Protein backbone atom coordinates (compact mmCIF):
# COMPACT_ATOMS: atom_id res chain seq x y z
CA MET A 1 -6.20 10.81 -18.96
CA ASP A 2 -4.51 13.21 -16.56
CA LEU A 3 -3.99 12.22 -12.93
CA GLU A 4 -6.48 14.72 -11.50
CA ARG A 5 -9.27 13.36 -13.68
CA ALA A 6 -8.27 9.78 -12.85
CA LEU A 7 -8.39 10.47 -9.11
CA GLY A 8 -11.82 12.04 -9.63
CA LEU A 9 -13.09 8.54 -10.44
CA ILE A 10 -12.79 7.54 -6.76
CA ALA A 11 -16.32 7.21 -5.37
CA GLU A 12 -17.36 8.36 -1.89
CA VAL A 13 -19.75 6.04 -0.06
CA PRO A 14 -21.24 7.48 3.16
CA ASP A 15 -21.91 5.31 6.23
CA PHE A 16 -19.87 2.32 5.06
CA PRO A 17 -18.82 0.00 6.63
CA GLU A 18 -20.55 1.63 9.60
CA PRO A 19 -22.47 4.86 10.29
CA GLY A 20 -20.30 7.96 10.27
CA VAL A 21 -17.56 6.52 8.05
CA LEU A 22 -17.06 7.96 4.56
CA PHE A 23 -15.60 5.10 2.52
CA ARG A 24 -13.51 5.90 -0.56
CA ASP A 25 -14.10 3.25 -3.23
CA LEU A 26 -11.31 2.94 -5.77
CA SER A 27 -13.24 0.34 -7.82
CA PRO A 28 -14.40 2.86 -10.47
CA LEU A 29 -10.78 4.01 -10.87
CA PHE A 30 -9.52 0.44 -11.26
CA ALA A 31 -12.25 -0.31 -13.81
CA ASP A 32 -11.28 2.62 -16.06
CA ALA A 33 -8.29 1.64 -18.23
CA ASP A 34 -7.06 5.19 -18.81
CA GLY A 35 -7.57 6.21 -15.19
CA PHE A 36 -5.82 3.11 -13.91
CA ALA A 37 -2.90 3.68 -16.28
CA ALA A 38 -2.56 7.30 -15.10
CA VAL A 39 -2.45 6.20 -11.46
CA ILE A 40 0.07 3.42 -12.12
CA ASP A 41 2.34 5.83 -14.02
CA ALA A 42 2.13 8.32 -11.15
CA LEU A 43 2.81 5.66 -8.49
CA ALA A 44 5.75 4.31 -10.51
CA ALA A 45 7.23 7.82 -10.55
CA THR A 46 7.21 7.88 -6.72
CA VAL A 47 9.50 4.85 -6.42
CA ASP A 48 13.08 6.02 -5.91
CA PRO A 49 15.85 4.68 -8.14
CA GLY A 50 17.77 2.03 -6.27
CA THR A 51 14.65 0.39 -4.87
CA ASP A 52 15.08 -3.37 -5.08
CA VAL A 53 11.56 -4.64 -4.46
CA LEU A 54 8.00 -3.50 -3.94
CA ALA A 55 5.94 -4.79 -1.02
CA ALA A 56 2.24 -5.14 -1.79
CA VAL A 57 -0.32 -5.05 1.01
CA GLU A 58 -3.28 -7.43 0.57
CA ALA A 59 -5.55 -6.98 -1.27
CA ARG A 60 -5.70 -3.82 -3.37
CA GLY A 61 -1.99 -3.25 -2.86
CA PHE A 62 -1.44 -6.45 -4.87
CA LEU A 63 -3.13 -4.92 -7.89
CA LEU A 64 -1.22 -1.65 -7.65
CA ALA A 65 2.22 -3.05 -6.84
CA ALA A 66 2.01 -5.70 -9.55
CA ALA A 67 1.32 -3.04 -12.18
CA VAL A 68 4.01 -0.70 -10.82
CA GLY A 69 6.45 -3.62 -10.63
CA TYR A 70 5.78 -4.44 -14.27
CA ALA A 71 6.21 -0.79 -15.26
CA ARG A 72 9.51 -0.52 -13.35
CA ALA A 73 10.77 -4.10 -13.97
CA MET A 74 10.78 -4.85 -10.25
CA GLY A 75 9.75 -7.83 -8.17
CA VAL A 76 6.81 -7.72 -5.77
CA VAL A 77 6.66 -9.22 -2.27
CA LEU A 78 3.11 -10.06 -1.14
CA VAL A 79 2.25 -9.08 2.44
CA ARG A 80 -0.64 -11.40 3.29
CA LYS A 81 -3.51 -11.79 5.70
CA PRO A 82 -3.09 -14.77 8.08
CA GLY A 83 -3.70 -18.32 6.95
CA LYS A 84 -2.79 -17.79 3.28
CA LEU A 85 0.85 -18.90 3.34
CA PRO A 86 2.44 -22.35 3.59
CA SER A 87 5.60 -20.90 5.18
CA VAL A 88 5.67 -17.69 7.21
CA ALA A 89 8.77 -15.55 7.86
CA GLY A 90 6.98 -13.26 10.28
CA ARG A 91 3.66 -12.02 11.60
CA VAL A 92 2.58 -8.65 13.02
CA ASP A 93 -0.70 -7.77 14.75
CA TYR A 94 -1.93 -4.18 14.39
CA ALA A 95 -4.88 -1.82 14.90
CA LEU A 96 -7.20 -0.84 12.03
CA GLU A 97 -9.42 2.22 11.66
CA TYR A 98 -12.31 0.07 12.93
CA GLY A 99 -10.85 -3.12 14.48
CA THR A 100 -7.66 -5.21 14.64
CA ALA A 101 -5.87 -7.46 12.15
CA SER A 102 -2.63 -9.30 11.37
CA LEU A 103 -0.25 -9.50 8.42
CA GLU A 104 2.26 -12.18 7.46
CA LEU A 105 5.30 -12.27 5.20
CA PRO A 106 6.17 -15.38 3.18
CA SER A 107 9.46 -17.10 3.95
CA GLY A 108 12.38 -16.61 1.60
CA VAL A 109 11.11 -13.66 -0.44
CA VAL A 110 13.04 -10.81 1.18
CA ARG A 111 16.83 -10.75 1.18
CA PRO A 112 18.70 -8.89 3.92
CA GLY A 113 19.75 -5.46 2.71
CA GLN A 114 17.08 -5.12 0.05
CA ARG A 115 15.55 -1.66 -0.27
CA ALA A 116 11.76 -1.87 -0.35
CA VAL A 117 8.86 0.48 -1.04
CA VAL A 118 5.48 -0.45 0.43
CA VAL A 119 2.56 0.03 -1.98
CA ASP A 120 -1.09 0.21 -0.93
CA ASP A 121 -4.30 1.90 -1.99
CA VAL A 122 -5.16 4.03 1.06
CA LEU A 123 -3.21 5.36 4.03
CA ALA A 124 -5.72 5.78 6.87
CA THR A 125 -4.48 5.28 10.45
CA GLY A 126 -1.16 3.91 9.20
CA GLY A 127 -1.50 0.64 11.10
CA THR A 128 -1.52 -1.63 8.06
CA VAL A 129 1.40 0.06 6.35
CA ALA A 130 3.38 0.28 9.61
CA ALA A 131 2.83 -3.47 10.12
CA ALA A 132 4.07 -4.17 6.59
CA CYS A 133 7.17 -2.03 7.23
CA GLU A 134 7.83 -3.89 10.49
CA LEU A 135 7.57 -7.27 8.75
CA LEU A 136 9.98 -6.22 6.02
CA GLU A 137 12.49 -4.84 8.49
CA LYS A 138 12.35 -7.98 10.64
CA ALA A 139 13.24 -9.90 7.46
CA GLY A 140 16.28 -7.65 6.92
CA ALA A 141 14.98 -5.18 4.34
CA THR A 142 15.25 -1.41 4.57
CA VAL A 143 11.96 0.34 3.87
CA THR A 144 12.83 3.43 1.84
CA GLY A 145 9.32 4.66 1.16
CA VAL A 146 5.58 4.20 1.12
CA SER A 147 3.49 4.90 -1.99
CA VAL A 148 -0.31 5.12 -1.84
CA VAL A 149 -3.07 6.33 -4.11
CA MET A 150 -4.92 8.19 -1.36
CA GLU A 151 -4.18 9.44 2.13
CA LEU A 152 -6.92 10.27 4.64
CA ALA A 153 -5.22 13.21 6.38
CA ALA A 154 -7.75 13.43 9.23
CA LEU A 155 -6.68 9.96 10.42
CA ASP A 156 -3.01 11.04 10.64
CA GLY A 157 -1.52 7.81 9.29
CA ARG A 158 1.85 9.44 8.73
CA SER A 159 2.38 9.64 12.48
CA ALA A 160 2.43 5.82 12.63
CA LEU A 161 5.19 5.66 10.02
CA SER A 162 8.12 7.07 12.04
CA GLY A 163 9.12 9.82 9.61
CA ARG A 164 9.23 7.53 6.58
CA LYS A 165 8.97 9.02 3.11
CA VAL A 166 5.29 8.83 2.14
CA SER A 167 4.12 9.55 -1.42
CA SER A 168 0.36 10.06 -1.77
CA LEU A 169 -1.26 10.86 -5.10
CA LEU A 170 -4.31 12.34 -3.34
CA VAL A 171 -4.62 13.70 0.19
CA THR A 172 -8.18 14.20 1.43
């Protein structure tokens, strides 16, 4: 399946999670083997040579980064929601499109000097991805890029990412 057709599998759900929000549901894309493969191949192509590790943002970023990591023979660092880790290297609080949240990085999984690419499903306001970048940098990594399936341009998430290289398969 070509990438355009695969991205066409993303469903639009109006008024979710609250009135006035148009939610993009990637579930139909993930459920389609050919569509999922096309997206993973395209995401893998966005990861620069020389990248040492992928950083996956909970939860859908886990799915994407694990598959890209397998395709590129790279390790994956899991950036978690609070309360999921026995040992925490760092924590960052950040603003969401409709609320606030926190992310944590497990101890001992990032080595100083590693080059990392953050992988997630959607770039909206940029708060989640910016928090992941901050966690990685506090642990000594250099974030060399951000790769997402979809970017919601109207929410201007790129502005929260301080001029970082952002690769989006679909910009809406």
